[in-house]
Amino acid sequence: MKKKLVSIILMVIVMLTFAKSEVDILIEKEMKGSFLYFWEQANTDENSAGYGLVRDRYPGNPTIASIAATGFGLSAIPIGVEYGWITKEEGYKRALGTLKTIWNLENFHGFWYHFLDINTGKRAWKSEISTIDSAILVAGVLTVGEYFGGEIKELAKKIYDRMNWKLFVDYKNNYFYMAYYPEKGFQGHWDFYAEQLIMYILGCGSDKYPISKDVYLAFKRHLGSYKTEKFVHSWFGSLFTYQFSHAWVDFRGFVDDLGINWFDNSVQASLANYYYCLDLSDQYKSFSENSWGLSACDSPHGYEGKYGSIPNGYDNNQNVVDGTIATHAAIGSVVFVPEKSLKALEYYYTMPRLVGKYGLKASFNLDLDWFATDFVGIDKGIGLLMLSNYKDELIWKIFMQNENVKKAMKILFKHEE
């Protein structure tokens, strides 16, 4: 009888040890929903010139693909395989076919148009050749290259090697250009800190068209704070700017010549965004300790790129606040402020109008009783990759083993003591 009782107790202990908590179940639910967005809302017609391209949003704009969403979608494939949502064979086939599509897309010295017709792969909306969106796309390309190896890795390297990073630098100031239009040439500069860190890593790591370290050191680093330590902030204080590059690049333990640790910088930025929302909670119903995150997203009046917190600009007057919360914002900071991010995830799932077939929708505003109707590709992407990195560091481990990335990290950073 005693042996039986001991056996039962041991079994209960084992069950409790391996039982998933409610938040773990929600994490996996959101991750799977986000993964399915990329798996199902891609062009799956193998005879199409747009095979593998991922829709910018769903259900809106059914014929428009985003190269950034496609980059996130490629990065989602290893997650889907590792979690058992697809087989490795299925992932390999989708990744290889997508890379073949990317190789054949119209490009400008290896860089691509921001928006494409999902069926033809042709330029949509007279959109720009985008440096940051091209960087996000090739980050996904390199991710599947490292994960699958073989033919996929060879093609990934060809795609990456074709990108002429030197051409996209304005050497008058050593700033990257933001865009190129056939109709009017190069436009805009990455002159201020934002989501572009990954561009310097990809540029410095290039074998064929490497940029100098001076380009990385050139952009403006303006310090500010909001109930935090001082950190380098972006122009609008939009939270995604502190997250996107970190989806692939593990900055932990790396410091640059100016003494900046970008991981720690994003911790401070996430905290500032959280405190700012909390301090405005008496003005906006959407804001609370469990509901925070100001970032570019869909709004009651259309897409709003100026949502953000203090600090921003040079005078803290560049951001927009109207009570709209971006669901991906808090989730995308889960590696930086996990407790606060996961409480937000739990809260968002209590609102039925915010949840759909692909997990959380883009945004909401309780003051206006408004909930977004679309899932947005880049929003689902940053949430999925960051949740994956929080759980097991999968994307970090894959991307950081790339030899060109390793080379760039040695050029730009040193390990902290």
Foldseek 3Di string as FASTA:
>chain_A
DVVVVVVVVVVVVVCVVPPDDPLSVLLVQLLVLLLVQQVVQAACPLPFLLQQFGCQWPPPPSFKGFLLLSLLNLLSLVVCCVVVVDPVVVNVVSLVSNLVSLVPADDDQLFDFGMAGNGHNHHPPLGWRFLQSSLSNLLSQLLVCLVVPDPSVVSSLVSLLSHQQVVQADVVQLWGFGTQGPVPGTHHTQQAQFQRPSSQLSQCLHPRHHDALVSVVRHDFDWDAAPFPIAGAEALQAQVRLFDSCLQAPQPQWAFPVGDRSLLRSLRSLVQQLVQLCVCCVVFVQGHLLGTGFHFFADPVGTDHRTRGPPHRPPNPRHDDDQKGFLLRLLLCCVNPVVSSSSNSVVQVVDVLQQDSSGGATIAGVVVRDHDPMRGSVSSSSNNSSSVCVVPNVSHVSSCVDPSSVSSSVNGTDGDD
